Every structure is written in structure tokens, then in C-alpha cells.
Amino acid sequence: MYLSRDEIAARVGELGAEIERDYAGRDLVLVTVLKGAFMFASDLARAIGIPHAMDFLVLAGYGGDLGGRTRIRLLKDLEMPIGGRDVLLVENVVDTGLTLNYVVKTLSLREPRDIAVCTLFDRPYRRLVDDLPMRYVGFTIPDQFFLGYGFDLHERFRGLPDLHVSEQD
């Protein structure tokens, strides 16, 4: 086991308290990219003791362009307007930042009051995009393949309450 459910819960509680303090009296919307971040988003929402809304995006990567990069396709858009509201993107892990950069730019076109990122796990050494609005980070993790707490292997093991290093890649 890499992180226990108790270690994760303690850090999520700390993040929730920080967010609660920073967004008190504001119109906060948590926007979560499914599927990987759903467990973190659920726990984080309960840890934030101020009123807030929640909405979800579903993205898919496909193919490659001439530069060899994966293209991103929006499968499910937000159901509520975010114009003039404070948007906090909730992610389970930020690696290269390419997908997150796409989401930030796409949502910024809708003119939110503010847009920031809360990720439970970060791999800053893999970052290809430097100007991400990373405001809250739970843990910096190594470049290993994880299972549990939202991480999956062929759509299995997401529901494990602890974070485990997988023997498979």
C-alpha cells in the first residue's frame, strides 16, 4: 500500500478546510472530470462546509495529430452555467497537464469569475504545461502505476479505499 485510507482522508479534510476558508461567501462550483476523480470529488465535497454546486465533464482522448499528440473530445459537457461563478476543477492526478490545460481553456471561454485546480495527486516532474492554475495539491506522487481511490486497471479497482502501487503497467 502506498497511502492508506486514513492518510488520504486526513489530507482531503485539510484541503476541504482550505477551500472552505478561501471560498467563503462566494458562488463555488466544483467541476470534476469523470471517471478517475469521482471518489476524490465526493469526499472533498463532503469536507467543504460551505454551500457549493457540483457538475461533471467526461472527456476522451483519441488518435494523434501530425505532432503525435492525443486529441481530446468532450463526451459530456457541464449542465449548469458557470459564467460569473468561481470554478474549482477537481482532478485525481495531474501529470503532463495537457488535458487539464484543454479543460481550463475551454471553461475560461464561458467567463467564470475565477478558475482554479484542486488535485489530490500531482506529478509536477511530468508537466508539459507551465501555466496551470494549480491552487490545491494533496500529495506529490512518483511515476508509478497506481490502483485504488479512483485509479483503475481496465476499469477495475477504482473503489479500493487505499492507494496501491500496481505490479502491472
Protein backbone atom coordinates (compact mmCIF):
# COMPACT_ATOMS: atom_id res chain seq x y z
CA MET A 1 0.00 0.00 0.00
CA TYR A 2 1.27 3.47 -0.90
CA LEU A 3 -1.26 5.62 1.03
CA SER A 4 -3.85 4.38 3.49
CA ARG A 5 -7.48 5.49 3.53
CA ASP A 6 -6.75 7.34 6.78
CA GLU A 7 -3.85 9.29 5.25
CA ILE A 8 -5.98 10.16 2.24
CA ALA A 9 -8.97 11.16 4.40
CA ALA A 10 -6.81 13.40 6.58
CA ARG A 11 -5.39 15.25 3.58
CA VAL A 12 -8.80 15.57 1.90
CA GLY A 13 -10.09 17.09 5.14
CA GLU A 14 -7.25 19.61 5.14
CA LEU A 15 -7.92 20.52 1.51
CA GLY A 16 -11.64 20.91 2.26
CA ALA A 17 -10.88 23.28 5.15
CA GLU A 18 -8.58 25.39 2.94
CA ILE A 19 -11.18 25.59 0.19
CA GLU A 20 -13.92 26.43 2.69
CA ARG A 21 -11.83 29.28 4.06
CA ASP A 22 -10.82 30.62 0.63
CA TYR A 23 -14.28 30.45 -0.95
CA ALA A 24 -16.50 31.51 1.98
CA GLY A 25 -19.26 33.79 0.73
CA ARG A 26 -18.54 33.03 -2.92
CA ASP A 27 -20.50 31.14 -5.59
CA LEU A 28 -18.38 27.97 -5.82
CA VAL A 29 -18.86 25.24 -8.41
CA LEU A 30 -16.79 22.05 -8.21
CA VAL A 31 -16.22 20.69 -11.71
CA THR A 32 -14.97 17.12 -11.86
CA VAL A 33 -13.59 15.22 -14.82
CA LEU A 34 -15.00 11.69 -14.70
CA LYS A 35 -14.23 8.88 -14.07
CA GLY A 36 -10.97 8.94 -12.15
CA ALA A 37 -11.72 11.87 -9.86
CA PHE A 38 -15.20 10.86 -8.70
CA MET A 39 -14.08 9.35 -5.37
CA PHE A 40 -11.92 12.35 -4.50
CA ALA A 41 -14.64 14.78 -5.60
CA SER A 42 -17.21 13.02 -3.45
CA ASP A 43 -15.01 13.05 -0.35
CA LEU A 44 -13.86 16.63 -1.00
CA ALA A 45 -17.45 17.89 -1.43
CA ARG A 46 -18.33 16.49 1.99
CA ALA A 47 -15.21 18.09 3.50
CA ILE A 48 -16.14 21.59 2.25
CA GLY A 49 -18.51 23.03 4.84
CA ILE A 50 -19.94 25.84 2.73
CA PRO A 51 -22.68 25.67 0.09
CA HIS A 52 -21.38 24.77 -3.36
CA ALA A 53 -22.61 23.24 -6.59
CA MET A 54 -21.14 20.26 -8.43
CA ASP A 55 -21.02 19.41 -12.11
CA PHE A 56 -19.15 16.90 -14.26
CA LEU A 57 -17.30 16.58 -17.55
CA VAL A 58 -16.45 13.41 -19.44
CA LEU A 59 -13.52 13.52 -21.84
CA ALA A 60 -11.97 11.01 -24.20
CA GLY A 61 -8.55 11.02 -25.79
CA TYR A 62 -8.23 9.69 -29.31
CA GLY A 63 -5.79 9.32 -32.18
CA GLY A 64 -2.87 11.59 -32.78
CA ASP A 65 -2.28 14.57 -34.97
CA LEU A 66 0.84 15.16 -37.02
CA GLY A 67 2.72 16.09 -33.85
CA GLY A 68 1.86 12.76 -32.22
CA ARG A 69 -0.28 14.36 -29.51
CA THR A 70 -3.52 12.84 -28.35
CA ARG A 71 -6.62 14.82 -29.25
CA ILE A 72 -9.30 15.40 -26.65
CA ARG A 73 -13.01 15.01 -27.27
CA LEU A 74 -15.74 16.25 -24.93
CA LEU A 75 -18.25 13.42 -24.34
CA LYS A 76 -20.34 15.13 -21.63
CA ASP A 77 -20.47 18.85 -21.05
CA LEU A 78 -21.49 20.78 -17.94
CA GLU A 79 -25.19 21.03 -17.25
CA MET A 80 -25.08 24.38 -15.43
CA PRO A 81 -23.80 27.78 -16.47
CA ILE A 82 -20.52 28.86 -14.88
CA GLY A 83 -20.36 32.47 -16.10
CA GLY A 84 -19.53 34.80 -13.20
CA ARG A 85 -19.04 31.87 -10.79
CA ASP A 86 -15.93 30.54 -9.03
CA VAL A 87 -14.94 27.25 -10.67
CA LEU A 88 -12.71 24.74 -8.90
CA LEU A 89 -11.63 21.91 -11.19
CA VAL A 90 -11.27 18.71 -9.17
CA GLU A 91 -8.79 16.16 -10.55
CA ASN A 92 -7.42 12.95 -9.10
CA VAL A 93 -3.98 13.38 -10.72
CA VAL A 94 -2.21 16.00 -12.82
CA ASP A 95 0.60 14.65 -14.98
CA THR A 96 1.58 16.42 -18.20
CA GLY A 97 -1.17 18.99 -17.78
CA LEU A 98 -2.25 18.74 -21.42
CA THR A 99 -5.80 17.56 -20.67
CA LEU A 100 -6.17 19.98 -17.77
CA ASN A 101 -4.95 22.83 -19.97
CA TYR A 102 -7.63 21.92 -22.53
CA VAL A 103 -10.32 21.95 -19.82
CA VAL A 104 -9.14 25.26 -18.33
CA LYS A 105 -9.08 26.97 -21.74
CA THR A 106 -12.46 25.53 -22.72
CA LEU A 107 -14.15 26.59 -19.48
CA SER A 108 -12.44 30.01 -19.46
CA LEU A 109 -14.36 30.84 -22.64
CA ARG A 110 -17.54 30.69 -20.53
CA GLU A 111 -16.26 33.61 -18.42
CA PRO A 112 -16.21 32.23 -14.89
CA ARG A 113 -15.26 34.73 -12.17
CA ASP A 114 -12.28 32.55 -11.26
CA ILE A 115 -10.96 29.15 -12.28
CA ALA A 116 -8.54 27.10 -10.17
CA VAL A 117 -7.48 23.47 -9.78
CA CYS A 118 -7.55 21.09 -6.83
CA THR A 119 -5.78 17.79 -7.39
CA LEU A 120 -5.22 15.09 -4.84
CA PHE A 121 -2.17 13.71 -6.63
CA ASP A 122 0.42 15.65 -8.59
CA ARG A 123 3.37 14.64 -10.76
CA PRO A 124 4.97 18.05 -11.46
CA TYR A 125 8.11 16.47 -12.94
CA ARG A 126 5.98 15.23 -15.88
CA ARG A 127 4.46 18.65 -16.59
CA LEU A 128 4.48 19.88 -20.21
CA VAL A 129 2.25 22.90 -19.48
CA ASP A 130 3.53 25.52 -17.05
CA ASP A 131 0.67 27.97 -16.59
CA LEU A 132 -1.95 25.78 -14.93
CA PRO A 133 -3.93 27.40 -12.08
CA MET A 134 -2.87 24.77 -9.51
CA ARG A 135 -4.18 26.12 -6.20
CA TYR A 136 -4.58 22.98 -4.06
CA VAL A 137 -2.40 19.86 -4.14
CA GLY A 138 -2.81 16.88 -1.84
CA PHE A 139 0.25 14.71 -2.47
CA THR A 140 3.14 14.61 -4.92
CA ILE A 141 3.44 11.03 -6.11
CA PRO A 142 6.12 9.11 -8.02
CA ASP A 143 5.86 7.95 -11.61
CA GLN A 144 4.34 4.56 -10.81
CA PHE A 145 1.11 2.86 -11.83
CA PHE A 146 -1.46 3.11 -9.02
CA LEU A 147 -4.71 1.33 -8.22
CA GLY A 148 -7.50 2.38 -5.90
CA TYR A 149 -9.08 5.65 -4.85
CA GLY A 150 -10.18 6.33 -8.43
CA PHE A 151 -7.20 4.78 -10.24
CA ASP A 152 -8.11 1.74 -12.31
CA LEU A 153 -6.75 -1.11 -14.35
CA HIS A 154 -9.17 -1.94 -17.19
CA GLU A 155 -12.00 -0.19 -15.30
CA ARG A 156 -11.44 -2.29 -12.16
CA PHE A 157 -10.12 -1.45 -8.67
CA ARG A 158 -11.27 2.22 -8.65
CA GLY A 159 -13.26 1.58 -5.48
CA LEU A 160 -10.36 0.43 -3.33
CA PRO A 161 -10.21 2.85 -0.39
CA ASP A 162 -6.40 2.89 -0.22
CA LEU A 163 -3.87 3.81 -2.91
CA HIS A 164 -1.76 0.86 -4.06
CA VAL A 165 1.22 0.55 -6.39
CA SER A 166 0.36 -1.89 -9.14
CA GLU A 167 2.70 -4.63 -10.27
CA GLN A 168 1.25 -4.30 -13.79
CA ASP A 169 1.78 -1.42 -16.18
